[in-house]
Amino acid sequence: TLEDVYSSNKHIKNVQRKIIRSFANLVESRDSFTGEHIKRTTKYVELIARELLSKGIYANDLTEKNIELYVNAAPLHDLGKIHVPDYILCKPSKFTPEEYEMMKVHPYEGVKLIEENLTGVEEPEYIECAKIMSLYHHEKWDGTGYPNGIKGIDIPLCARIMAAADVLDALLSKRQYKEAMTIEKTMDIFMESRGTHFEPCIVDAII
C-alpha cells in the first residue's frame, strides 16, 4: 500500500509536469519557430550539467536531485513571453531599441506567472528554481546582460547553465530572422564568448 501511494503520487506528479510543459509549449509556439525549443534546451541543460559534473566542477551543487530540478524547471524559462506582443515576438528583423526594451520585461513576467500559477501546486524548490531560470537566463558572466546586470557567480548556477543552453539552441536553429548556424560556427561563437557572455567552464563543457 505504501508502494501504491508512492506510485500514485509519482503518476500525479508526472501528469502535472506534462501539463506544465504543454503550457510552456503553447507559449513558445506563438513565434512559430520554437516549438521544439523547450525540448532541446531542456536536454542541453541536462547535458551541460552532467558534463560539468563529470569534470568534478560544481560537484556539491550538481547532485542528482538538483540536476533533475534544473531539467524539470527549464521548460518555464521563457514563460514571460506570453506578455510580449506578437508583432515583436514574430518580427523577422532586428528589434528597435523600444521593442528590445519591451522584450526585456519577459523575465520578470515569467516570475510573476510562475508565482501566481504554481504556488501551492508544485514544491517550493521547484518553483524557486523555475523563477531563478526565468529571471536570470539573459544575464551574462561579465555583467552586461539583463534585466539586473548581475555578473559572475552572483548569477545562480542553474541560470548560468540555462543561459548557455538557450543560446546554443538559438544559434543552431533556423529562425525567421536567420538561418541555422553550423556546429563549427556555433562553437567558435561560444569560444569567443568564453569569460564574457558565459562562464568559462560552461563553455568548455559545451565544447
Protein backbone atom coordinates (compact mmCIF):
# COMPACT_ATOMS: atom_id res chain seq x y z
CA THR A 1 0.00 0.00 0.00
CA LEU A 2 2.84 2.42 0.66
CA GLU A 3 4.18 1.44 -2.75
CA ASP A 4 0.73 2.10 -4.23
CA VAL A 5 0.60 5.55 -2.65
CA TYR A 6 4.12 6.32 -3.89
CA SER A 7 3.25 5.10 -7.39
CA SER A 8 0.04 7.16 -7.42
CA ASN A 9 1.84 10.31 -6.23
CA LYS A 10 4.55 9.81 -8.82
CA HIS A 11 1.93 9.42 -11.55
CA ILE A 12 0.16 12.60 -10.45
CA LYS A 13 3.47 14.47 -10.41
CA ASN A 14 4.34 13.25 -13.91
CA VAL A 15 0.93 14.35 -15.23
CA GLN A 16 1.38 17.71 -13.52
CA ARG A 17 4.78 18.26 -15.13
CA LYS A 18 3.43 17.26 -18.55
CA ILE A 19 0.66 19.83 -18.23
CA ILE A 20 3.20 22.49 -17.23
CA ARG A 21 5.42 21.60 -20.20
CA SER A 22 2.41 21.70 -22.52
CA PHE A 23 1.52 25.17 -21.26
CA ALA A 24 5.10 26.33 -21.84
CA ASN A 25 4.99 24.83 -25.34
CA LEU A 26 1.83 26.78 -26.13
CA VAL A 27 3.61 29.99 -25.15
CA GLU A 28 6.63 29.10 -27.27
CA SER A 29 4.51 28.17 -30.30
CA ARG A 30 3.36 31.78 -30.67
CA ASP A 31 6.51 32.73 -32.55
CA SER A 32 6.13 29.79 -34.98
CA PHE A 33 9.74 28.59 -34.88
CA THR A 34 10.42 27.49 -31.32
CA GLY A 35 8.05 24.56 -31.00
CA GLU A 36 10.96 22.23 -30.25
CA HIS A 37 12.97 24.90 -28.41
CA ILE A 38 11.78 23.74 -24.99
CA LYS A 39 12.67 20.09 -25.62
CA ARG A 40 16.12 20.92 -26.95
CA THR A 41 17.06 23.47 -24.29
CA THR A 42 15.87 21.13 -21.56
CA LYS A 43 18.12 18.39 -22.91
CA TYR A 44 21.03 20.82 -23.28
CA VAL A 45 20.62 21.85 -19.63
CA GLU A 46 20.94 18.22 -18.59
CA LEU A 47 23.91 17.54 -20.87
CA ILE A 48 25.82 20.65 -19.73
CA ALA A 49 25.16 19.89 -16.05
CA ARG A 50 26.30 16.28 -16.42
CA GLU A 51 29.40 17.29 -18.36
CA LEU A 52 30.37 19.74 -15.61
CA LEU A 53 29.79 17.04 -13.01
CA SER A 54 31.89 14.54 -14.95
CA LYS A 55 34.80 17.02 -14.71
CA GLY A 56 34.26 17.44 -10.97
CA ILE A 57 33.03 21.03 -11.41
CA TYR A 58 30.29 22.20 -9.02
CA ALA A 59 30.03 18.63 -7.74
CA ASN A 60 28.42 19.80 -4.49
CA ASP A 61 25.72 21.69 -6.40
CA LEU A 62 25.12 19.26 -9.24
CA THR A 63 23.58 16.48 -7.22
CA GLU A 64 21.19 14.11 -8.96
CA LYS A 65 18.29 15.85 -7.23
CA ASN A 66 19.40 19.29 -8.40
CA ILE A 67 20.03 18.20 -11.97
CA GLU A 68 16.52 16.73 -12.05
CA LEU A 69 15.23 20.02 -10.64
CA TYR A 70 17.04 22.04 -13.34
CA VAL A 71 15.69 19.76 -16.07
CA ASN A 72 12.11 19.96 -14.80
CA ALA A 73 12.24 23.75 -14.34
CA ALA A 74 13.94 24.54 -17.68
CA PRO A 75 10.73 24.45 -19.80
CA LEU A 76 9.43 27.50 -17.93
CA HIS A 77 12.38 29.80 -18.64
CA ASP A 78 10.57 31.82 -21.33
CA LEU A 79 7.08 31.71 -19.88
CA GLY A 80 7.02 35.51 -19.60
CA LYS A 81 6.99 35.82 -23.40
CA ILE A 82 3.23 35.37 -23.17
CA HIS A 83 3.13 39.09 -22.33
CA VAL A 84 5.28 40.15 -25.29
CA PRO A 85 3.16 41.41 -28.22
CA ASP A 86 3.06 39.22 -31.35
CA TYR A 87 4.41 41.98 -33.59
CA ILE A 88 7.62 41.94 -31.54
CA LEU A 89 7.84 38.22 -30.85
CA CYS A 90 7.32 37.33 -34.52
CA LYS A 91 9.33 40.17 -36.02
CA PRO A 92 11.58 38.89 -38.86
CA SER A 93 14.18 41.62 -38.39
CA LYS A 94 16.19 43.31 -35.68
CA PHE A 95 14.34 44.94 -32.79
CA THR A 96 14.24 48.71 -32.44
CA PRO A 97 15.56 49.98 -29.08
CA GLU A 98 11.95 50.43 -27.91
CA GLU A 99 10.99 46.90 -28.96
CA TYR A 100 14.08 45.48 -27.28
CA GLU A 101 13.08 47.18 -24.02
CA MET A 102 9.62 45.59 -24.30
CA MET A 103 11.18 42.17 -24.89
CA LYS A 104 13.37 42.62 -21.81
CA VAL A 105 10.35 42.52 -19.49
CA HIS A 106 9.70 38.83 -20.12
CA PRO A 107 11.99 37.53 -17.33
CA TYR A 108 10.00 39.47 -14.73
CA GLU A 109 6.70 38.47 -16.29
CA GLY A 110 7.77 34.83 -16.15
CA VAL A 111 8.50 35.07 -12.44
CA LYS A 112 5.05 36.57 -11.80
CA LEU A 113 3.30 33.85 -13.81
CA ILE A 114 5.19 31.09 -12.01
CA GLU A 115 4.37 32.57 -8.60
CA GLU A 116 0.71 33.15 -9.42
CA ASN A 117 0.03 29.78 -11.06
CA LEU A 118 2.31 27.25 -9.38
CA THR A 119 2.37 28.32 -5.74
CA GLY A 120 0.60 25.63 -3.76
CA VAL A 121 0.67 23.28 -6.75
CA GLU A 122 4.37 22.47 -7.02
CA GLU A 123 7.11 22.03 -4.42
CA PRO A 124 8.73 25.29 -3.23
CA GLU A 125 12.19 24.28 -4.51
CA TYR A 126 10.80 23.64 -8.00
CA ILE A 127 9.02 27.00 -8.04
CA GLU A 128 12.16 28.78 -6.82
CA CYS A 129 14.36 27.12 -9.46
CA ALA A 130 11.88 27.96 -12.24
CA LYS A 131 11.70 31.59 -11.07
CA ILE A 132 15.51 31.85 -10.99
CA MET A 133 15.85 30.42 -14.51
CA SER A 134 13.18 32.78 -15.80
CA LEU A 135 14.63 35.87 -14.14
CA TYR A 136 18.33 35.36 -14.81
CA HIS A 137 18.69 33.42 -18.09
CA HIS A 138 19.59 36.60 -20.01
CA GLU A 139 22.26 37.72 -17.55
CA LYS A 140 25.87 37.50 -18.73
CA TRP A 141 29.01 36.41 -16.93
CA ASP A 142 30.58 39.87 -17.39
CA GLY A 143 27.53 41.76 -16.12
CA THR A 144 26.30 43.14 -19.45
CA GLY A 145 23.07 41.12 -19.56
CA TYR A 146 19.55 41.92 -18.42
CA PRO A 147 17.30 42.54 -16.52
CA ASN A 148 19.54 43.22 -13.49
CA GLY A 149 23.06 43.36 -14.93
CA ILE A 150 24.48 41.00 -12.32
CA LYS A 151 27.66 39.08 -13.09
CA GLY A 152 29.82 36.09 -12.27
CA ILE A 153 28.68 33.73 -9.55
CA ASP A 154 26.06 36.26 -8.45
CA ILE A 155 24.06 34.66 -11.28
CA PRO A 156 22.72 31.37 -9.89
CA LEU A 157 24.28 28.25 -11.42
CA CYS A 158 21.01 26.92 -12.83
CA ALA A 159 20.50 30.21 -14.69
CA ARG A 160 24.09 30.25 -16.00
CA ILE A 161 23.53 26.79 -17.45
CA MET A 162 20.09 27.76 -18.78
CA ALA A 163 21.53 30.84 -20.50
CA ALA A 164 24.10 28.74 -22.35
CA ALA A 165 21.52 26.12 -23.35
CA ASP A 166 19.20 28.87 -24.63
CA VAL A 167 21.87 30.47 -26.81
CA LEU A 168 23.15 27.11 -28.02
CA ASP A 169 19.72 26.24 -29.39
CA ALA A 170 19.19 29.73 -30.81
CA LEU A 171 22.43 29.53 -32.79
CA LEU A 172 21.87 26.00 -34.08
CA SER A 173 18.23 26.60 -35.07
CA LYS A 174 16.66 28.33 -38.04
CA ARG A 175 14.71 31.43 -37.04
CA GLN A 176 12.61 33.79 -39.13
CA TYR A 177 15.43 36.33 -38.99
CA LYS A 178 18.35 33.91 -39.61
CA GLU A 179 19.44 30.53 -40.92
CA ALA A 180 20.72 27.80 -38.63
CA MET A 181 24.45 28.06 -37.96
CA THR A 182 26.82 25.17 -38.41
CA ILE A 183 28.13 23.41 -35.32
CA GLU A 184 31.60 24.73 -36.15
CA LYS A 185 30.46 28.37 -36.30
CA THR A 186 28.40 27.90 -33.14
CA MET A 187 31.41 26.54 -31.24
CA ASP A 188 33.50 29.48 -32.49
CA ILE A 189 30.93 31.90 -31.09
CA PHE A 190 30.95 30.13 -27.74
CA MET A 191 34.73 30.27 -27.61
CA GLU A 192 34.62 34.00 -28.37
CA SER A 193 32.05 34.41 -25.57
CA ARG A 194 34.11 32.49 -23.02
CA GLY A 195 34.53 34.70 -19.96
CA THR A 196 32.23 37.43 -21.32
CA HIS A 197 28.74 36.10 -22.02
CA PHE A 198 29.35 32.71 -20.40
CA GLU A 199 31.29 31.24 -17.53
CA PRO A 200 34.47 29.63 -18.94
CA CYS A 201 33.82 26.16 -17.50
CA ILE A 202 30.33 26.11 -19.03
CA VAL A 203 31.76 26.94 -22.46
CA ASP A 204 34.32 24.19 -22.01
CA ALA A 205 31.52 21.75 -21.12
CA ILE A 206 29.58 22.72 -24.25
CA ILE A 207 32.62 22.36 -26.50
